[in-house]
Amino acid sequence: MASKRHKNQIELLQGTLDLLILEQLRWGPSHGYGLSQAIRLHSGDVLHVDAGSIYPALHRLEREGLIRGQWAVSDKKQRTRAYRLTPRGRRRLAGERAKWEQMSMAIAGVLSRARSSES
């Protein structure tokens, strides 16, 4: 069963993880594990982002000033770092969403043409 799940996973394009993280933070602050779980959930269990990918991305986005992290103590008395979008991050998200939508439409156009020529 696990092998079938991994078979259906999709490799993220470079830069796509940043877009997904920024999009999830649009809905409110979250910690790394929460972001990873939200991406998995909202992708229908197709996209799985492990700690080895999410935390370097969070650190990079924080260095770029797109997100801000703040230490807090969770309900379970564990120290966690919650991240939130900065105004600069919101602007970047808007631009990246527009690019992604344009790219998605372009790819859909190529794929639909390929399908129609197969008929």
N, C-alpha and C. Protein backbone atom coordinates (compact mmCIF):
# COMPACT_ATOMS: atom_id res chain seq x y z
N MET A 1 0.82 -1.19 0.00
CA MET A 1 0.00 0.00 0.00
C MET A 1 0.86 1.25 0.00
N ALA A 2 1.93 1.27 0.80
CA ALA A 2 2.82 2.44 0.85
C ALA A 2 3.47 2.68 -0.50
N SER A 3 3.82 1.60 -1.21
CA SER A 3 4.47 1.79 -2.51
C SER A 3 3.52 2.44 -3.51
N LYS A 4 2.23 2.13 -3.43
CA LYS A 4 1.26 2.77 -4.32
C LYS A 4 1.18 4.26 -4.02
N ARG A 5 1.19 4.62 -2.73
CA ARG A 5 1.13 6.03 -2.37
C ARG A 5 2.33 6.77 -2.94
N HIS A 6 3.53 6.19 -2.78
CA HIS A 6 4.73 6.83 -3.29
C HIS A 6 4.73 6.88 -4.81
N LYS A 7 4.12 5.92 -5.44
CA LYS A 7 4.04 5.89 -6.90
C LYS A 7 3.23 7.07 -7.43
N ASN A 8 2.21 7.48 -6.65
CA ASN A 8 1.34 8.58 -7.08
C ASN A 8 1.86 9.95 -6.69
N GLN A 9 2.97 10.02 -5.97
CA GLN A 9 3.51 11.32 -5.58
C GLN A 9 4.10 12.04 -6.78
N ILE A 10 4.05 13.33 -6.71
CA ILE A 10 4.55 14.17 -7.80
C ILE A 10 5.75 14.94 -7.28
N GLU A 11 6.82 14.95 -8.04
CA GLU A 11 7.99 15.74 -7.67
C GLU A 11 7.66 17.22 -7.86
N LEU A 12 7.99 18.03 -6.88
CA LEU A 12 7.73 19.46 -6.99
C LEU A 12 8.77 20.12 -7.89
N LEU A 13 8.30 21.01 -8.75
CA LEU A 13 9.21 21.80 -9.56
C LEU A 13 9.96 22.76 -8.67
N GLN A 14 11.17 23.09 -9.07
CA GLN A 14 11.95 24.04 -8.29
C GLN A 14 11.18 25.35 -8.17
N GLY A 15 11.10 25.87 -6.97
CA GLY A 15 10.38 27.11 -6.73
C GLY A 15 8.92 26.90 -6.34
N THR A 16 8.37 25.74 -6.66
CA THR A 16 6.97 25.48 -6.35
C THR A 16 6.75 25.36 -4.84
N LEU A 17 7.70 24.77 -4.13
CA LEU A 17 7.55 24.63 -2.69
C LEU A 17 7.43 26.00 -2.02
N ASP A 18 8.21 26.97 -2.47
CA ASP A 18 8.12 28.32 -1.91
C ASP A 18 6.71 28.87 -2.09
N LEU A 19 6.15 28.70 -3.29
CA LEU A 19 4.80 29.16 -3.58
C LEU A 19 3.79 28.48 -2.66
N LEU A 20 3.92 27.17 -2.47
CA LEU A 20 2.99 26.43 -1.61
C LEU A 20 3.08 26.89 -0.16
N ILE A 21 4.29 27.14 0.32
CA ILE A 21 4.47 27.61 1.69
C ILE A 21 3.85 29.00 1.85
N LEU A 22 4.14 29.90 0.94
CA LEU A 22 3.58 31.25 1.02
C LEU A 22 2.06 31.20 0.97
N GLU A 23 1.52 30.35 0.12
CA GLU A 23 0.06 30.23 0.01
C GLU A 23 -0.55 29.72 1.32
N GLN A 24 0.06 28.73 1.93
CA GLN A 24 -0.47 28.21 3.20
C GLN A 24 -0.39 29.28 4.29
N LEU A 25 0.67 30.06 4.31
CA LEU A 25 0.81 31.11 5.32
C LEU A 25 -0.15 32.26 5.09
N ARG A 26 -0.70 32.36 3.91
CA ARG A 26 -1.71 33.39 3.62
C ARG A 26 -2.91 33.22 4.55
N TRP A 27 -3.16 31.98 4.97
CA TRP A 27 -4.32 31.68 5.81
C TRP A 27 -4.02 31.86 7.29
N GLY A 28 -2.77 32.13 7.64
CA GLY A 28 -2.43 32.37 9.03
C GLY A 28 -1.10 31.74 9.40
N PRO A 29 -0.58 32.09 10.56
CA PRO A 29 0.72 31.58 10.99
C PRO A 29 0.71 30.06 11.16
N SER A 30 1.85 29.45 10.96
CA SER A 30 1.97 28.01 11.14
C SER A 30 3.43 27.65 11.38
N HIS A 31 3.64 26.47 11.91
CA HIS A 31 4.99 25.95 12.08
C HIS A 31 5.29 24.98 10.93
N GLY A 32 6.53 24.57 10.81
CA GLY A 32 6.96 23.75 9.69
C GLY A 32 6.16 22.47 9.50
N TYR A 33 5.96 21.73 10.59
CA TYR A 33 5.21 20.48 10.49
C TYR A 33 3.77 20.75 10.05
N GLY A 34 3.16 21.79 10.60
CA GLY A 34 1.80 22.15 10.22
C GLY A 34 1.70 22.51 8.74
N LEU A 35 2.70 23.21 8.23
CA LEU A 35 2.72 23.56 6.81
C LEU A 35 2.81 22.30 5.96
N SER A 36 3.69 21.40 6.35
CA SER A 36 3.87 20.15 5.63
C SER A 36 2.56 19.36 5.58
N GLN A 37 1.87 19.29 6.72
CA GLN A 37 0.60 18.56 6.79
C GLN A 37 -0.48 19.26 5.96
N ALA A 38 -0.53 20.58 5.99
CA ALA A 38 -1.53 21.32 5.21
C ALA A 38 -1.32 21.10 3.72
N ILE A 39 -0.08 21.11 3.28
CA ILE A 39 0.21 20.87 1.86
C ILE A 39 -0.23 19.47 1.47
N ARG A 40 0.07 18.49 2.32
CA ARG A 40 -0.35 17.11 2.05
C ARG A 40 -1.87 17.03 1.98
N LEU A 41 -2.55 17.59 2.97
CA LEU A 41 -4.01 17.53 3.05
C LEU A 41 -4.67 18.20 1.85
N HIS A 42 -4.24 19.42 1.55
CA HIS A 42 -4.89 20.20 0.49
C HIS A 42 -4.51 19.73 -0.91
N SER A 43 -3.52 18.86 -1.01
CA SER A 43 -3.17 18.29 -2.32
C SER A 43 -3.81 16.91 -2.50
N GLY A 44 -4.69 16.54 -1.59
CA GLY A 44 -5.32 15.24 -1.70
C GLY A 44 -4.36 14.10 -1.42
N ASP A 45 -3.41 14.34 -0.55
CA ASP A 45 -2.41 13.35 -0.15
C ASP A 45 -1.45 12.99 -1.29
N VAL A 46 -1.27 13.90 -2.23
CA VAL A 46 -0.36 13.66 -3.36
C VAL A 46 1.01 14.28 -3.08
N LEU A 47 1.03 15.49 -2.54
CA LEU A 47 2.29 16.17 -2.27
C LEU A 47 2.72 15.95 -0.83
N HIS A 48 3.89 15.36 -0.66
CA HIS A 48 4.44 15.10 0.67
C HIS A 48 5.76 15.85 0.78
N VAL A 49 5.84 16.76 1.72
CA VAL A 49 7.04 17.57 1.90
C VAL A 49 7.68 17.16 3.22
N ASP A 50 8.88 16.62 3.16
CA ASP A 50 9.53 16.16 4.38
C ASP A 50 10.32 17.29 5.04
N ALA A 51 10.76 17.03 6.27
CA ALA A 51 11.48 18.03 7.05
C ALA A 51 12.75 18.49 6.33
N GLY A 52 13.38 17.60 5.59
CA GLY A 52 14.60 17.94 4.87
C GLY A 52 14.38 18.93 3.74
N SER A 53 13.13 19.14 3.37
CA SER A 53 12.79 20.12 2.33
C SER A 53 12.13 21.36 2.92
N ILE A 54 11.21 21.17 3.87
CA ILE A 54 10.42 22.30 4.36
C ILE A 54 11.25 23.28 5.18
N TYR A 55 12.11 22.78 6.06
CA TYR A 55 12.85 23.69 6.92
C TYR A 55 13.89 24.51 6.17
N PRO A 56 14.65 23.93 5.24
CA PRO A 56 15.55 24.80 4.45
C PRO A 56 14.78 25.87 3.66
N ALA A 57 13.60 25.50 3.15
CA ALA A 57 12.79 26.48 2.41
C ALA A 57 12.32 27.59 3.35
N LEU A 58 11.87 27.23 4.55
CA LEU A 58 11.44 28.24 5.52
C LEU A 58 12.58 29.18 5.89
N HIS A 59 13.76 28.63 6.11
CA HIS A 59 14.92 29.46 6.45
C HIS A 59 15.28 30.41 5.30
N ARG A 60 15.22 29.90 4.07
CA ARG A 60 15.52 30.73 2.89
C ARG A 60 14.50 31.86 2.76
N LEU A 61 13.21 31.53 2.91
CA LEU A 61 12.16 32.54 2.79
C LEU A 61 12.28 33.59 3.89
N GLU A 62 12.71 33.15 5.07
CA GLU A 62 12.90 34.10 6.17
C GLU A 62 14.08 35.03 5.88
N ARG A 63 15.18 34.47 5.35
CA ARG A 63 16.34 35.31 4.99
C ARG A 63 15.97 36.33 3.93
N GLU A 64 15.06 35.96 3.03
CA GLU A 64 14.63 36.87 1.95
C GLU A 64 13.61 37.90 2.44
N GLY A 65 13.19 37.79 3.69
CA GLY A 65 12.23 38.74 4.24
C GLY A 65 10.79 38.50 3.81
N LEU A 66 10.50 37.30 3.29
CA LEU A 66 9.15 37.00 2.82
C LEU A 66 8.26 36.45 3.94
N ILE A 67 8.91 35.86 4.94
CA ILE A 67 8.19 35.37 6.11
C ILE A 67 8.96 35.78 7.36
N ARG A 68 8.31 35.74 8.49
CA ARG A 68 8.96 36.04 9.76
C ARG A 68 8.62 34.92 10.72
N GLY A 69 9.63 34.40 11.40
CA GLY A 69 9.42 33.34 12.38
C GLY A 69 9.51 33.89 13.78
N GLN A 70 8.73 33.30 14.67
CA GLN A 70 8.74 33.71 16.07
C GLN A 70 8.61 32.46 16.94
N TRP A 71 9.48 32.37 17.95
CA TRP A 71 9.43 31.23 18.86
C TRP A 71 8.26 31.36 19.80
N ALA A 72 7.63 30.20 20.08
CA ALA A 72 6.50 30.15 21.02
C ALA A 72 6.52 28.77 21.68
N VAL A 73 5.68 28.61 22.69
CA VAL A 73 5.52 27.31 23.35
C VAL A 73 4.15 26.77 22.98
N SER A 74 4.13 25.53 22.49
CA SER A 74 2.87 24.91 22.05
C SER A 74 2.03 24.47 23.24
N ASP A 75 0.81 24.02 22.94
CA ASP A 75 -0.08 23.50 23.98
C ASP A 75 0.55 22.30 24.69
N LYS A 76 1.42 21.60 23.99
CA LYS A 76 2.10 20.44 24.57
C LYS A 76 3.40 20.81 25.25
N LYS A 77 3.58 22.11 25.48
CA LYS A 77 4.76 22.64 26.19
C LYS A 77 6.06 22.42 25.42
N GLN A 78 5.97 22.36 24.09
CA GLN A 78 7.17 22.24 23.27
C GLN A 78 7.44 23.57 22.59
N ARG A 79 8.72 23.87 22.44
CA ARG A 79 9.11 25.10 21.74
C ARG A 79 8.91 24.90 20.24
N THR A 80 8.19 25.80 19.62
CA THR A 80 7.96 25.74 18.17
C THR A 80 8.22 27.12 17.58
N ARG A 81 8.51 27.11 16.31
CA ARG A 81 8.72 28.38 15.60
C ARG A 81 7.56 28.54 14.62
N ALA A 82 6.75 29.54 14.85
CA ALA A 82 5.61 29.82 13.99
C ALA A 82 6.01 30.89 12.97
N TYR A 83 5.62 30.66 11.74
CA TYR A 83 5.97 31.57 10.65
C TYR A 83 4.72 32.29 10.17
N ARG A 84 4.92 33.53 9.75
CA ARG A 84 3.82 34.31 9.17
C ARG A 84 4.35 35.09 7.97
N LEU A 85 3.44 35.42 7.06
CA LEU A 85 3.81 36.21 5.88
C LEU A 85 4.13 37.65 6.28
N THR A 86 5.10 38.22 5.63
CA THR A 86 5.37 39.65 5.77
C THR A 86 4.66 40.36 4.61
N PRO A 87 4.53 41.67 4.66
CA PRO A 87 3.95 42.38 3.51
C PRO A 87 4.71 42.07 2.21
N ARG A 88 6.02 41.99 2.30
CA ARG A 88 6.82 41.64 1.12
C ARG A 88 6.46 40.23 0.62
N GLY A 89 6.22 39.31 1.55
CA GLY A 89 5.83 37.95 1.19
C GLY A 89 4.47 37.92 0.50
N ARG A 90 3.56 38.76 0.97
CA ARG A 90 2.23 38.83 0.32
C ARG A 90 2.35 39.33 -1.12
N ARG A 91 3.21 40.31 -1.33
CA ARG A 91 3.41 40.82 -2.70
C ARG A 91 4.04 39.74 -3.58
N ARG A 92 5.03 39.03 -3.04
CA ARG A 92 5.68 37.95 -3.81
C ARG A 92 4.66 36.85 -4.15
N LEU A 93 3.83 36.51 -3.17
CA LEU A 93 2.82 35.48 -3.39
C LEU A 93 1.89 35.87 -4.53
N ALA A 94 1.44 37.11 -4.54
CA ALA A 94 0.54 37.57 -5.61
C ALA A 94 1.21 37.44 -6.98
N GLY A 95 2.47 37.84 -7.07
CA GLY A 95 3.19 37.73 -8.33
C GLY A 95 3.42 36.29 -8.75
N GLU A 96 3.79 35.44 -7.80
CA GLU A 96 4.05 34.03 -8.11
C GLU A 96 2.77 33.30 -8.48
N ARG A 97 1.66 33.64 -7.84
CA ARG A 97 0.36 33.03 -8.20
C ARG A 97 -0.01 33.37 -9.63
N ALA A 98 0.19 34.63 -10.00
CA ALA A 98 -0.13 35.05 -11.37
C ALA A 98 0.72 34.30 -12.39
N LYS A 99 2.01 34.15 -12.09
CA LYS A 99 2.90 33.40 -12.99
C LYS A 99 2.47 31.94 -13.08
N TRP A 100 2.14 31.35 -11.92
CA TRP A 100 1.73 29.94 -11.89
C TRP A 100 0.45 29.73 -12.70
N GLU A 101 -0.52 30.62 -12.56
CA GLU A 101 -1.77 30.49 -13.31
C GLU A 101 -1.52 30.60 -14.81
N GLN A 102 -0.63 31.51 -15.21
CA GLN A 102 -0.29 31.65 -16.62
C GLN A 102 0.39 30.40 -17.14
N MET A 103 1.32 29.86 -16.35
CA MET A 103 2.03 28.64 -16.75
C MET A 103 1.07 27.46 -16.82
N SER A 104 0.17 27.34 -15.85
CA SER A 104 -0.79 26.23 -15.84
C SER A 104 -1.69 26.27 -17.07
N MET A 105 -2.15 27.45 -17.43
CA MET A 105 -3.00 27.59 -18.61
C MET A 105 -2.23 27.24 -19.88
N ALA A 106 -0.97 27.66 -19.95
CA ALA A 106 -0.15 27.36 -21.13
C ALA A 106 0.07 25.86 -21.26
N ILE A 107 0.38 25.19 -20.16
CA ILE A 107 0.61 23.74 -20.20
C ILE A 107 -0.69 23.03 -20.54
N ALA A 108 -1.80 23.45 -19.96
CA ALA A 108 -3.10 22.84 -20.28
C ALA A 108 -3.41 22.98 -21.76
N GLY A 109 -3.07 24.13 -22.34
CA GLY A 109 -3.30 24.32 -23.77
C GLY A 109 -2.49 23.36 -24.62
N VAL A 110 -1.23 23.18 -24.26
CA VAL A 110 -0.37 22.25 -25.00
C VAL A 110 -0.90 20.82 -24.86
N LEU A 111 -1.27 20.44 -23.64
CA LEU A 111 -1.75 19.08 -23.41
C LEU A 111 -3.08 18.82 -24.10
N SER A 112 -3.98 19.79 -24.11
CA SER A 112 -5.27 19.58 -24.76
C SER A 112 -5.09 19.48 -26.27
N ARG A 113 -4.15 20.21 -26.82
CA ARG A 113 -3.87 20.11 -28.26
C ARG A 113 -3.31 18.74 -28.58
N ALA A 114 -2.43 18.25 -27.73
CA ALA A 114 -1.83 16.93 -27.94
C ALA A 114 -2.92 15.86 -27.88
N ARG A 115 -3.87 15.99 -26.96
CA ARG A 115 -4.96 15.01 -26.84
C ARG A 115 -5.84 15.05 -28.08
N SER A 116 -6.16 16.26 -28.57
CA SER A 116 -7.07 16.37 -29.72
C SER A 116 -6.41 15.83 -30.99
N SER A 117 -5.09 15.91 -31.10
CA SER A 117 -4.43 15.40 -32.30
C SER A 117 -4.29 13.88 -32.25
N GLU A 118 -4.43 13.27 -31.07
CA GLU A 118 -4.37 11.81 -30.95
C GLU A 118 -5.67 11.17 -31.43
N SER A 119 -6.76 11.93 -31.44
CA SER A 119 -8.08 11.38 -31.81
C SER A 119 -8.20 11.13 -33.29
